[in-house]
Amino acid sequence: MTHFPEDRRRLDLDAFSVAREPVGVFSAVARGTLIAALCVSIGAHWAVLQSVAWATMIVDYSQRVPLSTAVAQTLSGKHPCNLCKGIAQAQHDQRKAAALPTTLKPDLICPARTTVPAAGWVELRFGSLQVSASLLAHSPPTPPPRSELA
């Protein structure tokens, strides 16, 4: 039996039908929750809020002045809106809280390990090698003649 491109498309669509099952929905919700938690942990929510504030300011300013002037006023930082001020204050408070020194608390669950050396140990003595310059000055001995080896 030969497979035509139409058959392959049908097979590929059948492979995606698993995503409609409840396990697939749970997996999608879990993946979305994980992505949202990661975005919040790296501060992406501030970027989203700032983008919303800038878009609102551009729309507001563009009703009174040309669009290029509205964009310039919005991004200059000289005319912040209430949302921009709130975002800046929240970011400042967050950085200030992260910079506070933390005190070390004793770990009561896992006590610190102490290492005890092995009771018996043996001192190893290595042979010494004596090298002198006079030994290095002589040429090596000549090899025996080959006729004697044969």
Protein backbone atom coordinates (compact mmCIF):
# COMPACT_ATOMS: atom_id res chain seq x y z
CA MET A 1 0.00 0.00 0.00
CA THR A 2 1.42 3.36 -1.00
CA HIS A 3 1.06 6.44 1.15
CA PHE A 4 0.02 9.62 -0.53
CA PRO A 5 0.54 13.13 0.92
CA GLU A 6 -3.17 13.21 1.82
CA ASP A 7 -2.67 10.11 4.00
CA ARG A 8 0.28 11.71 5.76
CA ARG A 9 -1.74 14.81 6.57
CA ARG A 10 -4.50 12.62 7.97
CA LEU A 11 -1.98 10.72 10.12
CA ASP A 12 -0.45 13.98 11.42
CA LEU A 13 -3.88 15.31 12.38
CA ASP A 14 -4.63 12.07 14.20
CA ALA A 15 -1.44 12.50 16.24
CA PHE A 16 -2.64 15.89 17.51
CA SER A 17 -6.00 14.56 18.68
CA VAL A 18 -4.34 13.50 21.98
CA ALA A 19 -4.15 17.17 22.99
CA ARG A 20 -7.93 17.26 23.33
CA GLU A 21 -7.95 14.72 26.15
CA PRO A 22 -8.16 15.88 29.80
CA VAL A 23 -4.52 14.96 30.39
CA GLY A 24 -3.55 17.30 27.56
CA VAL A 25 -5.62 20.11 29.09
CA PHE A 26 -3.96 19.58 32.48
CA SER A 27 -0.56 19.61 30.82
CA ALA A 28 -1.38 22.86 28.99
CA VAL A 29 -2.58 24.52 32.20
CA ALA A 30 0.52 23.34 34.06
CA ARG A 31 2.77 24.59 31.26
CA GLY A 32 0.99 27.97 31.23
CA THR A 33 1.32 28.28 35.00
CA LEU A 34 5.00 27.45 34.82
CA ILE A 35 5.60 30.03 32.08
CA ALA A 36 3.72 32.68 34.06
CA ALA A 37 5.73 31.90 37.21
CA LEU A 38 9.00 32.13 35.30
CA CYS A 39 7.96 35.46 33.74
CA VAL A 40 7.09 36.90 37.14
CA SER A 41 10.34 35.60 38.63
CA ILE A 42 12.45 37.43 36.04
CA GLY A 43 10.37 40.62 36.24
CA ALA A 44 8.59 40.38 32.89
CA HIS A 45 5.37 41.58 34.51
CA TRP A 46 6.96 45.01 34.97
CA ALA A 47 7.75 45.15 31.25
CA VAL A 48 4.14 44.26 30.39
CA LEU A 49 2.77 46.89 32.77
CA GLN A 50 5.20 49.50 31.45
CA SER A 51 4.19 48.69 27.87
CA VAL A 52 0.52 49.14 28.79
CA ALA A 53 1.32 52.46 30.47
CA TRP A 54 3.28 53.68 27.44
CA ALA A 55 0.52 52.63 25.03
CA THR A 56 -2.06 54.46 27.15
CA MET A 57 0.12 57.57 27.29
CA ILE A 58 0.70 57.55 23.52
CA VAL A 59 -3.04 57.29 22.87
CA ASP A 60 -3.74 60.07 25.38
CA TYR A 61 -1.02 62.44 24.11
CA SER A 62 -1.78 61.77 20.42
CA GLN A 63 -5.28 63.24 20.89
CA ARG A 64 -3.69 66.64 21.67
CA VAL A 65 -0.43 66.63 19.63
CA PRO A 66 0.91 64.85 16.53
CA LEU A 67 1.85 61.19 16.91
CA SER A 68 5.62 61.74 16.66
CA THR A 69 5.45 64.34 19.46
CA ALA A 70 3.24 62.03 21.54
CA VAL A 71 5.76 59.19 21.22
CA ALA A 72 8.63 61.54 22.08
CA GLN A 73 6.81 62.86 25.17
CA THR A 74 5.90 59.36 26.28
CA LEU A 75 9.38 57.90 26.02
CA SER A 76 11.27 60.96 27.30
CA GLY A 77 10.39 60.28 30.93
CA LYS A 78 9.65 63.95 31.60
CA HIS A 79 5.87 63.46 31.63
CA PRO A 80 5.18 60.18 33.52
CA CYS A 81 1.62 59.08 34.14
CA ASN A 82 0.32 57.74 37.46
CA LEU A 83 0.82 54.14 36.31
CA CYS A 84 4.45 54.85 35.35
CA LYS A 85 5.07 56.43 38.77
CA GLY A 86 3.48 53.45 40.50
CA ILE A 87 5.58 50.97 38.49
CA ALA A 88 8.79 52.89 39.25
CA GLN A 89 7.94 53.00 42.98
CA ALA A 90 7.10 49.27 43.07
CA GLN A 91 10.33 48.36 41.27
CA HIS A 92 12.32 50.56 43.67
CA ASP A 93 10.65 48.95 46.70
CA GLN A 94 11.31 45.48 45.28
CA ARG A 95 15.01 46.20 44.72
CA LYS A 96 15.29 47.77 48.16
CA ALA A 97 13.73 44.70 49.80
CA ALA A 98 16.06 42.40 47.85
CA ALA A 99 19.10 44.41 48.93
CA LEU A 100 18.38 44.12 52.67
CA PRO A 101 21.02 42.05 54.45
CA THR A 102 19.85 38.67 55.56
CA THR A 103 20.94 37.08 58.79
CA LEU A 104 22.18 33.54 58.76
CA LYS A 105 19.97 31.19 60.69
CA PRO A 106 21.25 27.87 61.99
CA ASP A 107 20.14 24.90 59.99
CA LEU A 108 18.46 22.65 62.51
CA ILE A 109 17.44 19.95 60.08
CA CYS A 110 20.85 19.06 58.64
CA PRO A 111 23.65 19.47 61.17
CA ALA A 112 27.08 20.41 59.87
CA ARG A 113 29.31 17.46 59.10
CA THR A 114 32.67 17.10 60.72
CA THR A 115 35.33 15.01 59.07
CA VAL A 116 37.48 12.77 61.20
CA PRO A 117 40.74 11.52 59.71
CA ALA A 118 41.37 7.81 59.65
CA ALA A 119 42.88 6.44 62.86
CA GLY A 120 45.93 4.73 61.37
CA TRP A 121 48.15 6.13 58.72
CA VAL A 122 51.43 5.00 57.29
CA GLU A 123 54.20 7.25 56.10
CA LEU A 124 55.33 6.22 52.63
CA ARG A 125 59.00 6.41 51.78
CA PHE A 126 59.96 6.67 48.17
CA GLY A 127 63.33 5.74 46.70
CA SER A 128 65.64 8.55 45.77
CA LEU A 129 67.14 9.16 42.37
CA GLN A 130 70.66 10.52 42.20
CA VAL A 131 71.50 12.40 39.06
CA SER A 132 74.75 14.19 38.48
CA ALA A 133 76.06 16.20 35.60
CA SER A 134 79.06 13.87 35.19
CA LEU A 135 76.75 10.96 34.34
CA LEU A 136 75.03 13.01 31.69
CA ALA A 137 78.31 14.12 30.04
CA HIS A 138 79.35 10.61 28.92
CA SER A 139 77.97 9.19 25.71
CA PRO A 140 75.72 6.15 25.98
CA PRO A 141 77.29 2.73 25.51
CA THR A 142 77.49 1.48 21.94
CA PRO A 143 75.17 -1.36 20.98
CA PRO A 144 76.65 -4.83 20.38
CA PRO A 145 77.44 -5.80 16.81
CA ARG A 146 74.52 -7.35 14.93
CA SER A 147 76.50 -10.35 13.75
CA GLU A 148 76.66 -11.70 17.31
CA LEU A 149 72.87 -11.52 17.70
CA ALA A 150 72.16 -13.58 14.61
